[in-house]
Amino acid sequence: QLHVVESGGDLAQPGGSLRLSCAASGF
């Protein structure tokens, strides 16, 4: 089974930065 799971979403201010992660398994 292939799974992808996102994380890292948050509240950010305009001009700010965020990094989202996508953990993949089952390849």
mmCIF file of all heavy atoms, coordinates in Angstrom:
data_MODEL
# 
_entry.id   MODEL 
# 
loop_
_atom_site.group_PDB 
_atom_site.id 
_atom_site.type_symbol 
_atom_site.label_atom_id 
_atom_site.label_alt_id 
_atom_site.label_comp_id 
_atom_site.label_asym_id 
_atom_site.label_entity_id 
_atom_site.label_seq_id 
_atom_site.pdbx_PDB_ins_code 
_atom_site.Cartn_x 
_atom_site.Cartn_y 
_atom_site.Cartn_z 
_atom_site.occupancy 
_atom_site.B_iso_or_equiv 
_atom_site.pdbx_formal_charge 
_atom_site.auth_seq_id 
_atom_site.auth_comp_id 
_atom_site.auth_asym_id 
_atom_site.auth_atom_id 
_atom_site.pdbx_PDB_model_num 
ATOM 1   N N   . GLN A 1 1  ? 0.831  -1.184 0.000  1.00 0.00 ? 1  GLN A N   1 
ATOM 2   C CA  . GLN A 1 1  ? 0.000  0.000  0.000  1.00 0.00 ? 1  GLN A CA  1 
ATOM 3   C C   . GLN A 1 1  ? 0.879  1.253  0.000  1.00 0.00 ? 1  GLN A C   1 
ATOM 4   O O   . GLN A 1 1  ? 1.775  1.369  0.829  1.00 0.00 ? 1  GLN A O   1 
ATOM 5   C CB  . GLN A 1 1  ? -0.918 0.026  1.216  1.00 0.00 ? 1  GLN A CB  1 
ATOM 6   C CG  . GLN A 1 1  ? -2.016 -1.011 1.191  1.00 0.00 ? 1  GLN A CG  1 
ATOM 7   C CD  . GLN A 1 1  ? -3.089 -0.653 0.192  1.00 0.00 ? 1  GLN A CD  1 
ATOM 8   O OE1 . GLN A 1 1  ? -3.554 0.480  0.149  1.00 0.00 ? 1  GLN A OE1 1 
ATOM 9   N NE2 . GLN A 1 1  ? -3.461 -1.633 -0.633 1.00 0.00 ? 1  GLN A NE2 1 
ATOM 10  N N   . LEU A 1 2  ? 0.608  2.131  -0.924 1.00 0.00 ? 2  LEU A N   1 
ATOM 11  C CA  . LEU A 1 2  ? 1.310  3.396  -0.992 1.00 0.00 ? 2  LEU A CA  1 
ATOM 12  C C   . LEU A 1 2  ? 0.537  4.430  -0.179 1.00 0.00 ? 2  LEU A C   1 
ATOM 13  O O   . LEU A 1 2  ? -0.682 4.572  -0.346 1.00 0.00 ? 2  LEU A O   1 
ATOM 14  C CB  . LEU A 1 2  ? 1.473  3.856  -2.434 1.00 0.00 ? 2  LEU A CB  1 
ATOM 15  C CG  . LEU A 1 2  ? 2.434  5.026  -2.694 1.00 0.00 ? 2  LEU A CG  1 
ATOM 16  C CD1 . LEU A 1 2  ? 2.988  4.945  -4.100 1.00 0.00 ? 2  LEU A CD1 1 
ATOM 17  C CD2 . LEU A 1 2  ? 1.744  6.367  -2.485 1.00 0.00 ? 2  LEU A CD2 1 
ATOM 18  N N   . HIS A 1 3  ? 1.243  5.127  0.678  1.00 0.00 ? 3  HIS A N   1 
ATOM 19  C CA  . HIS A 1 3  ? 0.621  6.161  1.495  1.00 0.00 ? 3  HIS A CA  1 
ATOM 20  C C   . HIS A 1 3  ? 1.438  7.437  1.430  1.00 0.00 ? 3  HIS A C   1 
ATOM 21  O O   . HIS A 1 3  ? 2.668  7.396  1.377  1.00 0.00 ? 3  HIS A O   1 
ATOM 22  C CB  . HIS A 1 3  ? 0.503  5.721  2.953  1.00 0.00 ? 3  HIS A CB  1 
ATOM 23  C CG  . HIS A 1 3  ? -0.495 4.648  3.181  1.00 0.00 ? 3  HIS A CG  1 
ATOM 24  N ND1 . HIS A 1 3  ? -0.164 3.307  3.132  1.00 0.00 ? 3  HIS A ND1 1 
ATOM 25  C CD2 . HIS A 1 3  ? -1.822 4.695  3.465  1.00 0.00 ? 3  HIS A CD2 1 
ATOM 26  C CE1 . HIS A 1 3  ? -1.238 2.579  3.373  1.00 0.00 ? 3  HIS A CE1 1 
ATOM 27  N NE2 . HIS A 1 3  ? -2.254 3.402  3.582  1.00 0.00 ? 3  HIS A NE2 1 
ATOM 28  N N   . VAL A 1 4  ? 0.761  8.560  1.429  1.00 0.00 ? 4  VAL A N   1 
ATOM 29  C CA  . VAL A 1 4  ? 1.391  9.855  1.555  1.00 0.00 ? 4  VAL A CA  1 
ATOM 30  C C   . VAL A 1 4  ? 0.675  10.607 2.664  1.00 0.00 ? 4  VAL A C   1 
ATOM 31  O O   . VAL A 1 4  ? -0.551 10.604 2.742  1.00 0.00 ? 4  VAL A O   1 
ATOM 32  C CB  . VAL A 1 4  ? 1.365  10.672 0.243  1.00 0.00 ? 4  VAL A CB  1 
ATOM 33  C CG1 . VAL A 1 4  ? 2.315  10.071 -0.777 1.00 0.00 ? 4  VAL A CG1 1 
ATOM 34  C CG2 . VAL A 1 4  ? -0.040 10.744 -0.338 1.00 0.00 ? 4  VAL A CG2 1 
ATOM 35  N N   . VAL A 1 5  ? 1.449  11.239 3.524  1.00 0.00 ? 5  VAL A N   1 
ATOM 36  C CA  . VAL A 1 5  ? 0.903  11.941 4.673  1.00 0.00 ? 5  VAL A CA  1 
ATOM 37  C C   . VAL A 1 5  ? 1.518  13.325 4.740  1.00 0.00 ? 5  VAL A C   1 
ATOM 38  O O   . VAL A 1 5  ? 2.742  13.459 4.855  1.00 0.00 ? 5  VAL A O   1 
ATOM 39  C CB  . VAL A 1 5  ? 1.167  11.177 5.982  1.00 0.00 ? 5  VAL A CB  1 
ATOM 40  C CG1 . VAL A 1 5  ? 0.586  11.942 7.166  1.00 0.00 ? 5  VAL A CG1 1 
ATOM 41  C CG2 . VAL A 1 5  ? 0.572  9.780  5.913  1.00 0.00 ? 5  VAL A CG2 1 
ATOM 42  N N   . GLU A 1 6  ? 0.672  14.349 4.704  1.00 0.00 ? 6  GLU A N   1 
ATOM 43  C CA  . GLU A 1 6  ? 1.148  15.724 4.770  1.00 0.00 ? 6  GLU A CA  1 
ATOM 44  C C   . GLU A 1 6  ? 1.199  16.210 6.210  1.00 0.00 ? 6  GLU A C   1 
ATOM 45  O O   . GLU A 1 6  ? 0.430  15.770 7.063  1.00 0.00 ? 6  GLU A O   1 
ATOM 46  C CB  . GLU A 1 6  ? 0.240  16.672 3.972  1.00 0.00 ? 6  GLU A CB  1 
ATOM 47  C CG  . GLU A 1 6  ? -0.080 16.226 2.567  1.00 0.00 ? 6  GLU A CG  1 
ATOM 48  C CD  . GLU A 1 6  ? -1.406 15.505 2.478  1.00 0.00 ? 6  GLU A CD  1 
ATOM 49  O OE1 . GLU A 1 6  ? -1.814 14.869 3.478  1.00 0.00 ? 6  GLU A OE1 1 
ATOM 50  O OE2 . GLU A 1 6  ? -2.047 15.565 1.412  1.00 0.00 ? 6  GLU A OE2 1 
ATOM 51  N N   . SER A 1 7  ? 2.084  17.141 6.442  1.00 0.00 ? 7  SER A N   1 
ATOM 52  C CA  . SER A 1 7  ? 2.158  17.810 7.732  1.00 0.00 ? 7  SER A CA  1 
ATOM 53  C C   . SER A 1 7  ? 2.831  19.162 7.541  1.00 0.00 ? 7  SER A C   1 
ATOM 54  O O   . SER A 1 7  ? 3.418  19.433 6.502  1.00 0.00 ? 7  SER A O   1 
ATOM 55  C CB  . SER A 1 7  ? 2.921  16.966 8.757  1.00 0.00 ? 7  SER A CB  1 
ATOM 56  O OG  . SER A 1 7  ? 4.267  16.768 8.361  1.00 0.00 ? 7  SER A OG  1 
ATOM 57  N N   . GLY A 1 8  ? 2.745  19.993 8.551  1.00 0.00 ? 8  GLY A N   1 
ATOM 58  C CA  . GLY A 1 8  ? 3.433  21.269 8.530  1.00 0.00 ? 8  GLY A CA  1 
ATOM 59  C C   . GLY A 1 8  ? 2.540  22.474 8.325  1.00 0.00 ? 8  GLY A C   1 
ATOM 60  O O   . GLY A 1 8  ? 3.009  23.612 8.408  1.00 0.00 ? 8  GLY A O   1 
ATOM 61  N N   . GLY A 1 9  ? 1.262  22.258 8.039  1.00 0.00 ? 9  GLY A N   1 
ATOM 62  C CA  . GLY A 1 9  ? 0.364  23.381 7.873  1.00 0.00 ? 9  GLY A CA  1 
ATOM 63  C C   . GLY A 1 9  ? 0.203  24.142 9.175  1.00 0.00 ? 9  GLY A C   1 
ATOM 64  O O   . GLY A 1 9  ? 0.196  23.553 10.258 1.00 0.00 ? 9  GLY A O   1 
ATOM 65  N N   . ASP A 1 10 ? 0.056  25.452 9.056  1.00 0.00 ? 10 ASP A N   1 
ATOM 66  C CA  . ASP A 1 10 ? 0.004  26.283 10.246 1.00 0.00 ? 10 ASP A CA  1 
ATOM 67  C C   . ASP A 1 10 ? -0.532 27.656 9.868  1.00 0.00 ? 10 ASP A C   1 
ATOM 68  O O   . ASP A 1 10 ? -0.839 27.924 8.705  1.00 0.00 ? 10 ASP A O   1 
ATOM 69  C CB  . ASP A 1 10 ? 1.403  26.403 10.862 1.00 0.00 ? 10 ASP A CB  1 
ATOM 70  C CG  . ASP A 1 10 ? 1.371  26.686 12.350 1.00 0.00 ? 10 ASP A CG  1 
ATOM 71  O OD1 . ASP A 1 10 ? 0.313  27.076 12.881 1.00 0.00 ? 10 ASP A OD1 1 
ATOM 72  O OD2 . ASP A 1 10 ? 2.427  26.514 12.999 1.00 0.00 ? 10 ASP A OD2 1 
ATOM 73  N N   . LEU A 1 11 ? -0.643 28.492 10.871 1.00 0.00 ? 11 LEU A N   1 
ATOM 74  C CA  . LEU A 1 11 ? -0.972 29.894 10.663 1.00 0.00 ? 11 LEU A CA  1 
ATOM 75  C C   . LEU A 1 11 ? 0.314  30.664 10.436 1.00 0.00 ? 11 LEU A C   1 
ATOM 76  O O   . LEU A 1 11 ? 1.263  30.536 11.214 1.00 0.00 ? 11 LEU A O   1 
ATOM 77  C CB  . LEU A 1 11 ? -1.727 30.449 11.866 1.00 0.00 ? 11 LEU A CB  1 
ATOM 78  C CG  . LEU A 1 11 ? -2.019 31.945 11.873 1.00 0.00 ? 11 LEU A CG  1 
ATOM 79  C CD1 . LEU A 1 11 ? -2.975 32.307 10.747 1.00 0.00 ? 11 LEU A CD1 1 
ATOM 80  C CD2 . LEU A 1 11 ? -2.592 32.369 13.213 1.00 0.00 ? 11 LEU A CD2 1 
ATOM 81  N N   . ALA A 1 12 ? 0.367  31.439 9.366  1.00 0.00 ? 12 ALA A N   1 
ATOM 82  C CA  . ALA A 1 12 ? 1.534  32.244 9.054  1.00 0.00 ? 12 ALA A CA  1 
ATOM 83  C C   . ALA A 1 12 ? 1.108  33.661 8.719  1.00 0.00 ? 12 ALA A C   1 
ATOM 84  O O   . ALA A 1 12 ? -0.017 33.903 8.281  1.00 0.00 ? 12 ALA A O   1 
ATOM 85  C CB  . ALA A 1 12 ? 2.318  31.643 7.888  1.00 0.00 ? 12 ALA A CB  1 
ATOM 86  N N   . GLN A 1 13 ? 2.003  34.590 8.936  1.00 0.00 ? 13 GLN A N   1 
ATOM 87  C CA  . GLN A 1 13 ? 1.760  35.978 8.585  1.00 0.00 ? 13 GLN A CA  1 
ATOM 88  C C   . GLN A 1 13 ? 2.116  36.241 7.130  1.00 0.00 ? 13 GLN A C   1 
ATOM 89  O O   . GLN A 1 13 ? 2.967  35.551 6.562  1.00 0.00 ? 13 GLN A O   1 
ATOM 90  C CB  . GLN A 1 13 ? 2.576  36.901 9.490  1.00 0.00 ? 13 GLN A CB  1 
ATOM 91  C CG  . GLN A 1 13 ? 2.190  36.839 10.953 1.00 0.00 ? 13 GLN A CG  1 
ATOM 92  C CD  . GLN A 1 13 ? 2.984  37.807 11.799 1.00 0.00 ? 13 GLN A CD  1 
ATOM 93  O OE1 . GLN A 1 13 ? 3.995  38.346 11.356 1.00 0.00 ? 13 GLN A OE1 1 
ATOM 94  N NE2 . GLN A 1 13 ? 2.536  38.029 13.018 1.00 0.00 ? 13 GLN A NE2 1 
ATOM 95  N N   . PRO A 1 14 ? 1.472  37.210 6.504  1.00 0.00 ? 14 PRO A N   1 
ATOM 96  C CA  . PRO A 1 14 ? 1.881  37.586 5.147  1.00 0.00 ? 14 PRO A CA  1 
ATOM 97  C C   . PRO A 1 14 ? 3.368  37.898 5.111  1.00 0.00 ? 14 PRO A C   1 
ATOM 98  O O   . PRO A 1 14 ? 3.893  38.594 5.976  1.00 0.00 ? 14 PRO A O   1 
ATOM 99  C CB  . PRO A 1 14 ? 1.031  38.820 4.853  1.00 0.00 ? 14 PRO A CB  1 
ATOM 100 C CG  . PRO A 1 14 ? -0.190 38.631 5.694  1.00 0.00 ? 14 PRO A CG  1 
ATOM 101 C CD  . PRO A 1 14 ? 0.311  37.989 6.968  1.00 0.00 ? 14 PRO A CD  1 
ATOM 102 N N   . GLY A 1 15 ? 4.039  37.375 4.093  1.00 0.00 ? 15 GLY A N   1 
ATOM 103 C CA  . GLY A 1 15 ? 5.473  37.530 3.980  1.00 0.00 ? 15 GLY A CA  1 
ATOM 104 C C   . GLY A 1 15 ? 6.272  36.472 4.706  1.00 0.00 ? 15 GLY A C   1 
ATOM 105 O O   . GLY A 1 15 ? 7.499  36.407 4.544  1.00 0.00 ? 15 GLY A O   1 
ATOM 106 N N   . GLY A 1 16 ? 5.602  35.653 5.484  1.00 0.00 ? 16 GLY A N   1 
ATOM 107 C CA  . GLY A 1 16 ? 6.270  34.606 6.230  1.00 0.00 ? 16 GLY A CA  1 
ATOM 108 C C   . GLY A 1 16 ? 6.508  33.361 5.411  1.00 0.00 ? 16 GLY A C   1 
ATOM 109 O O   . GLY A 1 16 ? 6.254  33.316 4.203  1.00 0.00 ? 16 GLY A O   1 
ATOM 110 N N   . SER A 1 17 ? 6.983  32.326 6.093  1.00 0.00 ? 17 SER A N   1 
ATOM 111 C CA  . SER A 1 17 ? 7.339  31.075 5.424  1.00 0.00 ? 17 SER A CA  1 
ATOM 112 C C   . SER A 1 17 ? 6.809  29.877 6.186  1.00 0.00 ? 17 SER A C   1 
ATOM 113 O O   . SER A 1 17 ? 6.652  29.915 7.410  1.00 0.00 ? 17 SER A O   1 
ATOM 114 C CB  . SER A 1 17 ? 8.862  30.947 5.298  1.00 0.00 ? 17 SER A CB  1 
ATOM 115 O OG  . SER A 1 17 ? 9.417  31.976 4.509  1.00 0.00 ? 17 SER A OG  1 
ATOM 116 N N   . LEU A 1 18 ? 6.537  28.828 5.456  1.00 0.00 ? 18 LEU A N   1 
ATOM 117 C CA  . LEU A 1 18 ? 6.184  27.533 6.009  1.00 0.00 ? 18 LEU A CA  1 
ATOM 118 C C   . LEU A 1 18 ? 6.809  26.452 5.143  1.00 0.00 ? 18 LEU A C   1 
ATOM 119 O O   . LEU A 1 18 ? 7.023  26.658 3.946  1.00 0.00 ? 18 LEU A O   1 
ATOM 120 C CB  . LEU A 1 18 ? 4.670  27.316 6.051  1.00 0.00 ? 18 LEU A CB  1 
ATOM 121 C CG  . LEU A 1 18 ? 3.854  28.060 7.100  1.00 0.00 ? 18 LEU A CG  1 
ATOM 122 C CD1 . LEU A 1 18 ? 2.366  27.812 6.847  1.00 0.00 ? 18 LEU A CD1 1 
ATOM 123 C CD2 . LEU A 1 18 ? 4.232  27.615 8.499  1.00 0.00 ? 18 LEU A CD2 1 
ATOM 124 N N   . ARG A 1 19 ? 7.088  25.312 5.743  1.00 0.00 ? 19 ARG A N   1 
ATOM 125 C CA  . ARG A 1 19 ? 7.538  24.153 4.986  1.00 0.00 ? 19 ARG A CA  1 
ATOM 126 C C   . ARG A 1 19 ? 6.606  22.988 5.254  1.00 0.00 ? 19 ARG A C   1 
ATOM 127 O O   . ARG A 1 19 ? 6.468  22.538 6.399  1.00 0.00 ? 19 ARG A O   1 
ATOM 128 C CB  . ARG A 1 19 ? 8.974  23.760 5.339  1.00 0.00 ? 19 ARG A CB  1 
ATOM 129 C CG  . ARG A 1 19 ? 9.535  22.674 4.408  1.00 0.00 ? 19 ARG A CG  1 
ATOM 130 C CD  . ARG A 1 19 ? 10.964 22.295 4.736  1.00 0.00 ? 19 ARG A CD  1 
ATOM 131 N NE  . ARG A 1 19 ? 11.051 21.481 5.936  1.00 0.00 ? 19 ARG A NE  1 
ATOM 132 C CZ  . ARG A 1 19 ? 12.144 20.818 6.312  1.00 0.00 ? 19 ARG A CZ  1 
ATOM 133 N NH1 . ARG A 1 19 ? 13.249 20.900 5.568  1.00 0.00 ? 19 ARG A NH1 1 
ATOM 134 N NH2 . ARG A 1 19 ? 12.134 20.116 7.424  1.00 0.00 ? 19 ARG A NH2 1 
ATOM 135 N N   . LEU A 1 20 ? 5.977  22.507 4.201  1.00 0.00 ? 20 LEU A N   1 
ATOM 136 C CA  . LEU A 1 20 ? 5.119  21.349 4.290  1.00 0.00 ? 20 LEU A CA  1 
ATOM 137 C C   . LEU A 1 20 ? 5.913  20.092 3.980  1.00 0.00 ? 20 LEU A C   1 
ATOM 138 O O   . LEU A 1 20 ? 6.801  20.102 3.127  1.00 0.00 ? 20 LEU A O   1 
ATOM 139 C CB  . LEU A 1 20 ? 3.941  21.461 3.322  1.00 0.00 ? 20 LEU A CB  1 
ATOM 140 C CG  . LEU A 1 20 ? 3.069  22.716 3.430  1.00 0.00 ? 20 LEU A CG  1 
ATOM 141 C CD1 . LEU A 1 20 ? 1.895  22.618 2.461  1.00 0.00 ? 20 LEU A CD1 1 
ATOM 142 C CD2 . LEU A 1 20 ? 2.581  22.922 4.856  1.00 0.00 ? 20 LEU A CD2 1 
ATOM 143 N N   . SER A 1 21 ? 5.579  19.020 4.670  1.00 0.00 ? 21 SER A N   1 
ATOM 144 C CA  . SER A 1 21 ? 6.233  17.745 4.457  1.00 0.00 ? 21 SER A CA  1 
ATOM 145 C C   . SER A 1 21 ? 5.236  16.725 3.927  1.00 0.00 ? 21 SER A C   1 
ATOM 146 O O   . SER A 1 21 ? 4.064  16.735 4.300  1.00 0.00 ? 21 SER A O   1 
ATOM 147 C CB  . SER A 1 21 ? 6.840  17.220 5.761  1.00 0.00 ? 21 SER A CB  1 
ATOM 148 O OG  . SER A 1 21 ? 7.831  18.095 6.252  1.00 0.00 ? 21 SER A OG  1 
ATOM 149 N N   . CYS A 1 22 ? 5.720  15.859 3.071  1.00 0.00 ? 22 CYS A N   1 
ATOM 150 C CA  . CYS A 1 22 ? 4.927  14.763 2.537  1.00 0.00 ? 22 CYS A CA  1 
ATOM 151 C C   . CYS A 1 22 ? 5.734  13.493 2.728  1.00 0.00 ? 22 CYS A C   1 
ATOM 152 O O   . CYS A 1 22 ? 6.689  13.247 1.987  1.00 0.00 ? 22 CYS A O   1 
ATOM 153 C CB  . CYS A 1 22 ? 4.597  15.005 1.065  1.00 0.00 ? 22 CYS A CB  1 
ATOM 154 S SG  . CYS A 1 22 ? 3.761  13.623 0.249  1.00 0.00 ? 22 CYS A SG  1 
ATOM 155 N N   . ALA A 1 23 ? 5.361  12.716 3.716  1.00 0.00 ? 23 ALA A N   1 
ATOM 156 C CA  . ALA A 1 23 ? 6.039  11.458 3.987  1.00 0.00 ? 23 ALA A CA  1 
ATOM 157 C C   . ALA A 1 23 ? 5.412  10.362 3.139  1.00 0.00 ? 23 ALA A C   1 
ATOM 158 O O   . ALA A 1 23 ? 4.211  10.113 3.232  1.00 0.00 ? 23 ALA A O   1 
ATOM 159 C CB  . ALA A 1 23 ? 5.955  11.114 5.466  1.00 0.00 ? 23 ALA A CB  1 
ATOM 160 N N   . ALA A 1 24 ? 6.226  9.725  2.327  1.00 0.00 ? 24 ALA A N   1 
ATOM 161 C CA  . ALA A 1 24 ? 5.744  8.703  1.409  1.00 0.00 ? 24 ALA A CA  1 
ATOM 162 C C   . ALA A 1 24 ? 6.245  7.328  1.816  1.00 0.00 ? 24 ALA A C   1 
ATOM 163 O O   . ALA A 1 24 ? 7.394  7.171  2.231  1.00 0.00 ? 24 ALA A O   1 
ATOM 164 C CB  . ALA A 1 24 ? 6.184  9.010  -0.024 1.00 0.00 ? 24 ALA A CB  1 
ATOM 165 N N   . SER A 1 25 ? 5.390  6.352  1.688  1.00 0.00 ? 25 SER A N   1 
ATOM 166 C CA  . SER A 1 25 ? 5.758  4.973  1.984  1.00 0.00 ? 25 SER A CA  1 
ATOM 167 C C   . SER A 1 25 ? 5.059  4.047  1.005  1.00 0.00 ? 25 SER A C   1 
ATOM 168 O O   . SER A 1 25 ? 4.051  4.409  0.395  1.00 0.00 ? 25 SER A O   1 
ATOM 169 C CB  . SER A 1 25 ? 5.389  4.599  3.423  1.00 0.00 ? 25 SER A CB  1 
ATOM 170 O OG  . SER A 1 25 ? 3.987  4.694  3.622  1.00 0.00 ? 25 SER A OG  1 
ATOM 171 N N   . GLY A 1 26 ? 5.597  2.852  0.862  1.00 0.00 ? 26 GLY A N   1 
ATOM 172 C CA  . GLY A 1 26 ? 4.987  1.864  0.002  1.00 0.00 ? 26 GLY A CA  1 
ATOM 173 C C   . GLY A 1 26 ? 5.434  1.906  -1.447 1.00 0.00 ? 26 GLY A C   1 
ATOM 174 O O   . GLY A 1 26 ? 4.837  1.234  -2.285 1.00 0.00 ? 26 GLY A O   1 
ATOM 175 N N   . PHE A 1 27 ? 6.469  2.689  -1.755 1.00 0.00 ? 27 PHE A N   1 
ATOM 176 C CA  . PHE A 1 27 ? 6.991  2.724  -3.114 1.00 0.00 ? 27 PHE A CA  1 
ATOM 177 C C   . PHE A 1 27 ? 7.833  1.481  -3.363 1.00 0.00 ? 27 PHE A C   1 
ATOM 178 O O   . PHE A 1 27 ? 8.856  1.277  -2.711 1.00 0.00 ? 27 PHE A O   1 
ATOM 179 C CB  . PHE A 1 27 ? 7.841  3.967  -3.346 1.00 0.00 ? 27 PHE A CB  1 
ATOM 180 C CG  . PHE A 1 27 ? 7.061  5.236  -3.407 1.00 0.00 ? 27 PHE A CG  1 
ATOM 181 C CD1 . PHE A 1 27 ? 6.831  5.988  -2.266 1.00 0.00 ? 27 PHE A CD1 1 
ATOM 182 C CD2 . PHE A 1 27 ? 6.562  5.695  -4.617 1.00 0.00 ? 27 PHE A CD2 1 
ATOM 183 C CE1 . PHE A 1 27 ? 6.109  7.165  -2.319 1.00 0.00 ? 27 PHE A CE1 1 
ATOM 184 C CE2 . PHE A 1 27 ? 5.841  6.874  -4.679 1.00 0.00 ? 27 PHE A CE2 1 
ATOM 185 C CZ  . PHE A 1 27 ? 5.614  7.610  -3.530 1.00 0.00 ? 27 PHE A CZ  1 
# 
